């Protein structure tokens, strides 16, 4: 069941708007990269996860990114998507410490290998986003 906005906004438009709010241009770059191999998949990406699920009431984007980071970490084999959602988590207000704790929590439920993969993905994102010279975590 979809949850259209009160102004009749389409799933595609709603999804593009939600994705832009979460990922800036990164999500649109993924869609563009799919254009030559699976253009319909890019549409599905906008419509279902972002147009239908992320746009639902009940959880704000911050809470949705917490759940997404936890799920992708637990999968243990989704590092590219996890990096995208770590960036998204930072975009919607999560701190590096919160993201690190979310990933560490997954060691209990998904095992140390999955948590290690998640921590290395986070380290990569943090290194790009926060250069080491200015990184408070590197002082630890």
N, C-alpha and C. Protein backbone atom coordinates (compact mmCIF):
# COMPACT_ATOMS: atom_id res chain seq x y z
N UNK A 1 0.84 -1.18 0.00
CA UNK A 1 0.00 0.00 0.00
C UNK A 1 0.89 1.24 0.00
N UNK A 2 0.62 2.13 -0.88
CA UNK A 2 1.39 3.37 -0.91
C UNK A 2 0.71 4.42 -0.05
N UNK A 3 1.46 5.40 0.30
CA UNK A 3 0.96 6.50 1.12
C UNK A 3 1.20 7.80 0.38
N UNK A 4 0.31 8.10 -0.59
CA UNK A 4 0.54 9.32 -1.36
C UNK A 4 0.44 10.55 -0.48
N UNK A 5 1.18 11.55 -0.88
CA UNK A 5 1.10 12.81 -0.15
C UNK A 5 -0.26 13.45 -0.41
N UNK A 6 -0.64 14.36 0.44
CA UNK A 6 -1.95 14.99 0.32
C UNK A 6 -2.08 15.80 -0.97
N UNK A 7 -0.98 16.17 -1.59
CA UNK A 7 -1.08 16.96 -2.82
C UNK A 7 -1.03 16.08 -4.07
N UNK A 8 -1.11 14.75 -3.90
CA UNK A 8 -1.12 13.84 -5.03
C UNK A 8 0.23 13.61 -5.66
N UNK A 9 1.30 13.93 -4.98
CA UNK A 9 2.66 13.74 -5.49
C UNK A 9 2.87 12.27 -5.86
N UNK A 10 3.47 12.00 -7.00
CA UNK A 10 3.70 10.63 -7.44
C UNK A 10 4.77 9.96 -6.59
N UNK A 11 4.76 8.63 -6.62
CA UNK A 11 5.78 7.85 -5.90
C UNK A 11 7.17 8.25 -6.38
N UNK A 12 7.31 8.42 -7.69
CA UNK A 12 8.62 8.77 -8.25
C UNK A 12 9.07 10.13 -7.75
N UNK A 13 8.21 11.12 -7.81
CA UNK A 13 8.57 12.47 -7.35
C UNK A 13 8.85 12.47 -5.86
N UNK A 14 8.03 11.77 -5.10
CA UNK A 14 8.21 11.69 -3.65
C UNK A 14 9.54 11.00 -3.33
N UNK A 15 9.84 9.92 -4.06
CA UNK A 15 11.08 9.20 -3.86
C UNK A 15 12.31 10.02 -4.20
N UNK A 16 12.26 10.75 -5.30
CA UNK A 16 13.39 11.61 -5.68
C UNK A 16 13.61 12.70 -4.63
N UNK A 17 12.53 13.25 -4.12
CA UNK A 17 12.64 14.30 -3.10
C UNK A 17 13.24 13.72 -1.82
N UNK A 18 12.75 12.56 -1.38
CA UNK A 18 13.27 11.94 -0.15
C UNK A 18 14.74 11.57 -0.31
N UNK A 19 15.09 10.99 -1.45
CA UNK A 19 16.48 10.60 -1.68
C UNK A 19 17.40 11.81 -1.70
N UNK A 20 16.96 12.90 -2.31
CA UNK A 20 17.78 14.12 -2.32
C UNK A 20 17.98 14.66 -0.92
N UNK A 21 16.96 14.56 -0.08
CA UNK A 21 17.07 15.03 1.30
C UNK A 21 18.05 14.19 2.11
N UNK A 22 18.09 12.90 1.82
CA UNK A 22 18.94 11.98 2.56
C UNK A 22 20.37 11.96 2.02
N UNK A 23 20.50 11.82 0.72
CA UNK A 23 21.81 11.57 0.10
C UNK A 23 22.33 12.69 -0.78
N UNK A 24 21.63 13.79 -0.86
CA UNK A 24 22.07 14.84 -1.77
C UNK A 24 22.07 14.32 -3.19
N UNK A 25 23.16 14.46 -3.88
CA UNK A 25 23.24 14.00 -5.27
C UNK A 25 23.72 12.56 -5.40
N UNK A 26 24.17 11.94 -4.31
CA UNK A 26 24.73 10.59 -4.39
C UNK A 26 23.71 9.59 -4.91
N UNK A 27 22.49 9.67 -4.43
CA UNK A 27 21.45 8.75 -4.89
C UNK A 27 21.14 8.90 -6.36
N UNK A 28 21.13 10.13 -6.82
CA UNK A 28 20.87 10.38 -8.24
C UNK A 28 22.03 9.88 -9.09
N UNK A 29 23.24 9.89 -8.55
CA UNK A 29 24.40 9.36 -9.27
C UNK A 29 24.26 7.84 -9.44
N UNK A 30 23.74 7.16 -8.41
CA UNK A 30 23.51 5.71 -8.52
C UNK A 30 22.50 5.44 -9.63
N UNK A 31 21.42 6.21 -9.63
CA UNK A 31 20.40 6.03 -10.67
C UNK A 31 20.98 6.28 -12.06
N UNK A 32 21.79 7.30 -12.20
CA UNK A 32 22.41 7.61 -13.50
C UNK A 32 23.34 6.48 -13.93
N UNK A 33 24.04 5.87 -12.97
CA UNK A 33 24.96 4.78 -13.29
C UNK A 33 24.20 3.54 -13.78
N UNK A 34 22.94 3.42 -13.43
CA UNK A 34 22.13 2.28 -13.86
C UNK A 34 21.49 2.50 -15.23
N UNK A 35 21.54 3.72 -15.74
CA UNK A 35 20.81 4.08 -16.95
C UNK A 35 21.13 3.19 -18.15
N UNK A 36 22.39 2.79 -18.31
CA UNK A 36 22.75 2.01 -19.49
C UNK A 36 22.55 0.51 -19.31
N UNK A 37 22.32 0.05 -18.09
CA UNK A 37 22.15 -1.39 -17.88
C UNK A 37 20.74 -1.75 -17.41
N UNK A 38 20.15 -0.93 -16.54
CA UNK A 38 18.84 -1.25 -15.98
C UNK A 38 18.10 0.03 -15.59
N UNK A 39 17.70 0.81 -16.57
CA UNK A 39 17.05 2.09 -16.24
C UNK A 39 15.78 1.93 -15.41
N UNK A 40 15.04 0.85 -15.63
CA UNK A 40 13.83 0.64 -14.83
C UNK A 40 14.16 0.43 -13.36
N UNK A 41 15.33 -0.18 -13.09
CA UNK A 41 15.71 -0.42 -11.69
C UNK A 41 15.91 0.90 -10.96
N UNK A 42 16.42 1.90 -11.64
CA UNK A 42 16.58 3.22 -11.02
C UNK A 42 15.22 3.78 -10.62
N UNK A 43 14.23 3.59 -11.48
CA UNK A 43 12.87 4.04 -11.15
C UNK A 43 12.36 3.30 -9.92
N UNK A 44 12.57 1.98 -9.88
CA UNK A 44 12.14 1.19 -8.72
C UNK A 44 12.82 1.69 -7.45
N UNK A 45 14.10 2.03 -7.58
CA UNK A 45 14.86 2.53 -6.43
C UNK A 45 14.24 3.82 -5.88
N UNK A 46 13.85 4.70 -6.75
CA UNK A 46 13.19 5.94 -6.30
C UNK A 46 11.82 5.64 -5.70
N UNK A 47 11.03 4.82 -6.40
CA UNK A 47 9.63 4.64 -6.01
C UNK A 47 9.44 3.83 -4.74
N UNK A 48 10.04 2.64 -4.66
CA UNK A 48 9.74 1.79 -3.52
C UNK A 48 10.43 2.21 -2.23
N UNK A 49 11.77 2.09 -2.14
CA UNK A 49 12.36 2.42 -0.84
C UNK A 49 12.13 3.86 -0.42
N UNK A 50 12.29 4.78 -1.38
CA UNK A 50 12.24 6.20 -0.99
C UNK A 50 10.86 6.82 -1.16
N UNK A 51 10.14 6.45 -2.20
CA UNK A 51 8.80 6.99 -2.40
C UNK A 51 7.76 6.38 -1.49
N UNK A 52 7.91 5.08 -1.19
CA UNK A 52 6.92 4.39 -0.36
C UNK A 52 7.35 4.26 1.10
N UNK A 53 8.56 3.78 1.35
CA UNK A 53 8.96 3.43 2.71
C UNK A 53 9.55 4.62 3.46
N UNK A 54 10.59 5.24 2.93
CA UNK A 54 11.22 6.37 3.64
C UNK A 54 10.26 7.54 3.82
N UNK A 55 9.25 7.63 2.97
CA UNK A 55 8.30 8.75 3.03
C UNK A 55 7.12 8.49 3.96
N UNK A 56 7.08 7.33 4.57
CA UNK A 56 5.96 7.02 5.47
C UNK A 56 6.07 7.83 6.76
N UNK A 57 4.92 8.08 7.38
CA UNK A 57 4.94 8.71 8.70
C UNK A 57 5.36 7.68 9.75
N UNK A 58 5.72 8.12 10.91
CA UNK A 58 6.01 7.19 12.00
C UNK A 58 7.46 7.17 12.44
N UNK A 59 8.37 7.30 11.51
CA UNK A 59 9.80 7.41 11.83
C UNK A 59 10.36 8.58 11.05
N UNK A 60 11.23 9.34 11.69
CA UNK A 60 11.91 10.40 10.95
C UNK A 60 13.09 9.80 10.19
N UNK A 61 13.72 10.59 9.34
CA UNK A 61 14.82 10.08 8.52
C UNK A 61 16.00 9.63 9.37
N UNK A 62 16.23 10.27 10.48
CA UNK A 62 17.33 9.88 11.38
C UNK A 62 17.09 8.45 11.89
N UNK A 63 15.87 8.17 12.35
CA UNK A 63 15.55 6.83 12.85
C UNK A 63 15.62 5.80 11.73
N UNK A 64 15.18 6.17 10.55
CA UNK A 64 15.25 5.24 9.42
C UNK A 64 16.69 4.91 9.05
N UNK A 65 17.58 5.89 9.14
CA UNK A 65 18.99 5.62 8.84
C UNK A 65 19.64 4.77 9.94
N UNK A 66 19.22 4.93 11.18
CA UNK A 66 19.72 4.04 12.24
C UNK A 66 19.36 2.60 11.89
N UNK A 67 18.10 2.37 11.55
CA UNK A 67 17.66 1.02 11.20
C UNK A 67 18.39 0.49 9.97
N UNK A 68 18.59 1.34 8.99
CA UNK A 68 19.25 0.92 7.75
C UNK A 68 20.72 0.59 7.98
N UNK A 69 21.41 1.42 8.73
CA UNK A 69 22.82 1.14 9.04
C UNK A 69 22.94 -0.17 9.81
N UNK A 70 22.05 -0.39 10.77
CA UNK A 70 22.08 -1.64 11.53
C UNK A 70 21.83 -2.83 10.62
N UNK A 71 20.82 -2.74 9.76
CA UNK A 71 20.49 -3.86 8.88
C UNK A 71 21.62 -4.16 7.90
N UNK A 72 22.16 -3.14 7.27
CA UNK A 72 23.24 -3.35 6.30
C UNK A 72 24.49 -3.89 6.98
N UNK A 73 24.76 -3.43 8.19
CA UNK A 73 25.89 -3.98 8.95
C UNK A 73 25.66 -5.45 9.23
N UNK A 74 24.46 -5.80 9.69
CA UNK A 74 24.15 -7.19 10.02
C UNK A 74 24.25 -8.10 8.80
N UNK A 75 23.94 -7.59 7.63
CA UNK A 75 24.07 -8.40 6.42
C UNK A 75 25.51 -8.83 6.20
N UNK A 76 26.45 -7.95 6.52
CA UNK A 76 27.86 -8.29 6.44
C UNK A 76 28.46 -8.27 5.05
N UNK A 77 27.64 -8.14 4.02
CA UNK A 77 28.15 -8.22 2.65
C UNK A 77 27.63 -7.09 1.77
N UNK A 78 27.30 -5.98 2.39
CA UNK A 78 26.71 -4.86 1.65
C UNK A 78 27.50 -3.57 1.89
N UNK A 79 28.83 -3.68 1.85
CA UNK A 79 29.68 -2.52 2.17
C UNK A 79 29.40 -1.30 1.29
N UNK A 80 29.20 -1.44 -0.03
CA UNK A 80 28.93 -0.22 -0.81
C UNK A 80 27.66 0.50 -0.35
N UNK A 81 26.60 -0.27 -0.11
CA UNK A 81 25.36 0.33 0.35
C UNK A 81 25.49 0.86 1.77
N UNK A 82 26.25 0.17 2.60
CA UNK A 82 26.47 0.64 3.97
C UNK A 82 27.20 1.98 3.96
N UNK A 83 28.21 2.12 3.12
CA UNK A 83 28.92 3.40 3.03
C UNK A 83 27.96 4.52 2.62
N UNK A 84 27.10 4.25 1.66
CA UNK A 84 26.11 5.26 1.23
C UNK A 84 25.22 5.65 2.41
N UNK A 85 24.79 4.68 3.19
CA UNK A 85 23.87 4.98 4.29
C UNK A 85 24.58 5.55 5.52
N UNK A 86 25.86 5.29 5.67
CA UNK A 86 26.63 5.99 6.72
C UNK A 86 26.70 7.47 6.35
N UNK A 87 26.97 7.76 5.08
CA UNK A 87 26.94 9.16 4.61
C UNK A 87 25.56 9.76 4.85
N UNK A 88 24.52 9.01 4.51
CA UNK A 88 23.15 9.50 4.70
C UNK A 88 22.87 9.75 6.18
N UNK A 89 23.34 8.85 7.04
CA UNK A 89 23.15 9.04 8.48
C UNK A 89 23.78 10.34 8.96
N UNK A 90 24.97 10.61 8.48
CA UNK A 90 25.61 11.89 8.82
C UNK A 90 24.80 13.06 8.28
N UNK A 91 24.25 12.90 7.08
CA UNK A 91 23.45 13.97 6.47
C UNK A 91 22.19 14.29 7.26
N UNK A 92 21.63 13.29 7.94
CA UNK A 92 20.37 13.51 8.67
C UNK A 92 20.60 13.69 10.17
N UNK A 93 21.86 13.87 10.58
CA UNK A 93 22.12 14.26 11.96
C UNK A 93 22.75 13.24 12.88
N UNK A 94 23.05 12.04 12.39
CA UNK A 94 23.75 11.08 13.25
C UNK A 94 25.20 11.53 13.43
N UNK A 95 25.77 11.25 14.59
CA UNK A 95 27.17 11.56 14.83
C UNK A 95 28.03 10.35 14.51
N UNK A 96 29.32 10.57 14.38
CA UNK A 96 30.24 9.45 14.16
C UNK A 96 30.16 8.48 15.32
N UNK A 97 30.07 8.99 16.54
CA UNK A 97 29.99 8.11 17.70
C UNK A 97 28.72 7.26 17.64
N UNK A 98 27.60 7.86 17.28
CA UNK A 98 26.35 7.08 17.19
C UNK A 98 26.45 6.00 16.12
N UNK A 99 27.00 6.34 14.98
CA UNK A 99 27.15 5.36 13.90
C UNK A 99 28.07 4.23 14.33
N UNK A 100 29.17 4.57 14.97
CA UNK A 100 30.09 3.55 15.47
C UNK A 100 29.40 2.63 16.46
N UNK A 101 28.61 3.19 17.37
CA UNK A 101 27.90 2.38 18.36
C UNK A 101 26.83 1.49 17.72
N UNK A 102 26.13 2.00 16.72
CA UNK A 102 25.14 1.18 16.00
C UNK A 102 25.84 -0.04 15.40
N UNK A 103 26.96 0.18 14.76
CA UNK A 103 27.70 -0.91 14.13
C UNK A 103 28.23 -1.88 15.18
N UNK A 104 28.80 -1.36 16.27
CA UNK A 104 29.31 -2.24 17.32
C UNK A 104 28.19 -3.08 17.93
N UNK A 105 27.00 -2.52 18.08
CA UNK A 105 25.85 -3.25 18.61
C UNK A 105 25.54 -4.49 17.76
N UNK A 106 25.80 -4.40 16.48
CA UNK A 106 25.51 -5.51 15.58
C UNK A 106 26.43 -6.69 15.78
N UNK A 107 27.57 -6.50 16.46
CA UNK A 107 28.44 -7.64 16.76
C UNK A 107 27.70 -8.67 17.60
N UNK A 108 26.80 -8.20 18.46
CA UNK A 108 26.02 -9.10 19.33
C UNK A 108 25.08 -9.97 18.49
N UNK A 109 24.48 -9.41 17.46
CA UNK A 109 23.44 -10.10 16.71
C UNK A 109 23.90 -10.68 15.39
N UNK A 110 24.92 -10.09 14.80
CA UNK A 110 25.37 -10.53 13.48
C UNK A 110 26.79 -11.10 13.49
N UNK A 111 27.49 -10.96 14.61
CA UNK A 111 28.83 -11.48 14.72
C UNK A 111 29.92 -10.44 14.48
N UNK A 112 31.11 -10.81 14.93
CA UNK A 112 32.25 -9.91 14.81
C UNK A 112 32.64 -9.62 13.36
N UNK A 113 32.62 -10.61 12.45
CA UNK A 113 33.00 -10.29 11.08
C UNK A 113 32.11 -9.21 10.45
N UNK A 114 30.81 -9.30 10.65
CA UNK A 114 29.90 -8.29 10.10
C UNK A 114 30.17 -6.92 10.72
N UNK A 115 30.38 -6.90 12.03
CA UNK A 115 30.66 -5.62 12.71
C UNK A 115 32.00 -5.05 12.25
N UNK A 116 33.01 -5.90 12.09
CA UNK A 116 34.30 -5.42 11.59
C UNK A 116 34.16 -4.82 10.19
N UNK A 117 33.44 -5.51 9.31
CA UNK A 117 33.21 -4.96 7.97
C UNK A 117 32.53 -3.60 8.06
N UNK A 118 31.55 -3.49 8.96
CA UNK A 118 30.85 -2.23 9.15
C UNK A 118 31.76 -1.13 9.67
N UNK A 119 32.59 -1.48 10.63
CA UNK A 119 33.50 -0.48 11.20
C UNK A 119 34.51 0.01 10.16
N UNK A 120 34.98 -0.90 9.32
CA UNK A 120 35.91 -0.47 8.27
C UNK A 120 35.22 0.40 7.23
N UNK A 121 33.95 0.11 6.94
CA UNK A 121 33.19 0.98 6.03
C UNK A 121 33.02 2.36 6.65
N UNK A 122 32.71 2.40 7.94
CA UNK A 122 32.55 3.69 8.64
C UNK A 122 33.87 4.45 8.65
N UNK A 123 34.96 3.74 8.92
CA UNK A 123 36.27 4.40 8.94
C UNK A 123 36.57 5.05 7.59
N UNK A 124 36.23 4.35 6.53
CA UNK A 124 36.46 4.89 5.18
C UNK A 124 35.63 6.16 4.95
N UNK A 125 34.35 6.10 5.32
CA UNK A 125 33.48 7.27 5.14
C UNK A 125 33.96 8.43 6.01
N UNK A 126 34.26 8.14 7.28
CA UNK A 126 34.70 9.21 8.19
C UNK A 126 35.99 9.84 7.68
N UNK A 127 36.91 9.01 7.14
CA UNK A 127 38.17 9.53 6.63
C UNK A 127 37.98 10.48 5.46
N UNK A 128 37.01 10.17 4.60
CA UNK A 128 36.71 11.05 3.46
C UNK A 128 36.00 12.31 3.92
N UNK A 129 35.07 12.13 4.83
CA UNK A 129 34.21 13.25 5.23
C UNK A 129 34.89 14.18 6.22
N UNK A 130 35.73 13.61 7.07
CA UNK A 130 36.41 14.38 8.12
C UNK A 130 37.90 14.09 8.01
N UNK A 131 38.65 14.92 7.31
CA UNK A 131 40.08 14.66 7.12
C UNK A 131 40.78 14.38 8.46
N UNK A 132 41.72 13.44 8.47
CA UNK A 132 42.37 13.02 9.72
C UNK A 132 42.95 14.15 10.56
N UNK A 133 43.45 15.20 9.95
CA UNK A 133 44.04 16.30 10.71
C UNK A 133 43.00 16.96 11.61
N UNK A 134 41.72 16.83 11.25
CA UNK A 134 40.65 17.46 12.03
C UNK A 134 39.78 16.43 12.72
N UNK A 135 40.19 15.17 12.72
CA UNK A 135 39.36 14.09 13.22
C UNK A 135 39.63 13.83 14.69
N UNK A 136 38.66 14.11 15.54
CA UNK A 136 38.81 13.89 16.98
C UNK A 136 38.94 12.41 17.30
N UNK A 137 38.35 11.53 16.47
CA UNK A 137 38.44 10.10 16.74
C UNK A 137 39.87 9.58 16.56
N UNK A 138 40.67 10.22 15.70
CA UNK A 138 42.03 9.75 15.48
C UNK A 138 42.93 10.00 16.68
N UNK A 139 42.49 10.84 17.60
CA UNK A 139 43.28 11.12 18.79
C UNK A 139 43.17 10.01 19.83
N UNK A 140 42.22 9.11 19.64
CA UNK A 140 42.02 8.02 20.62
C UNK A 140 43.09 6.97 20.54
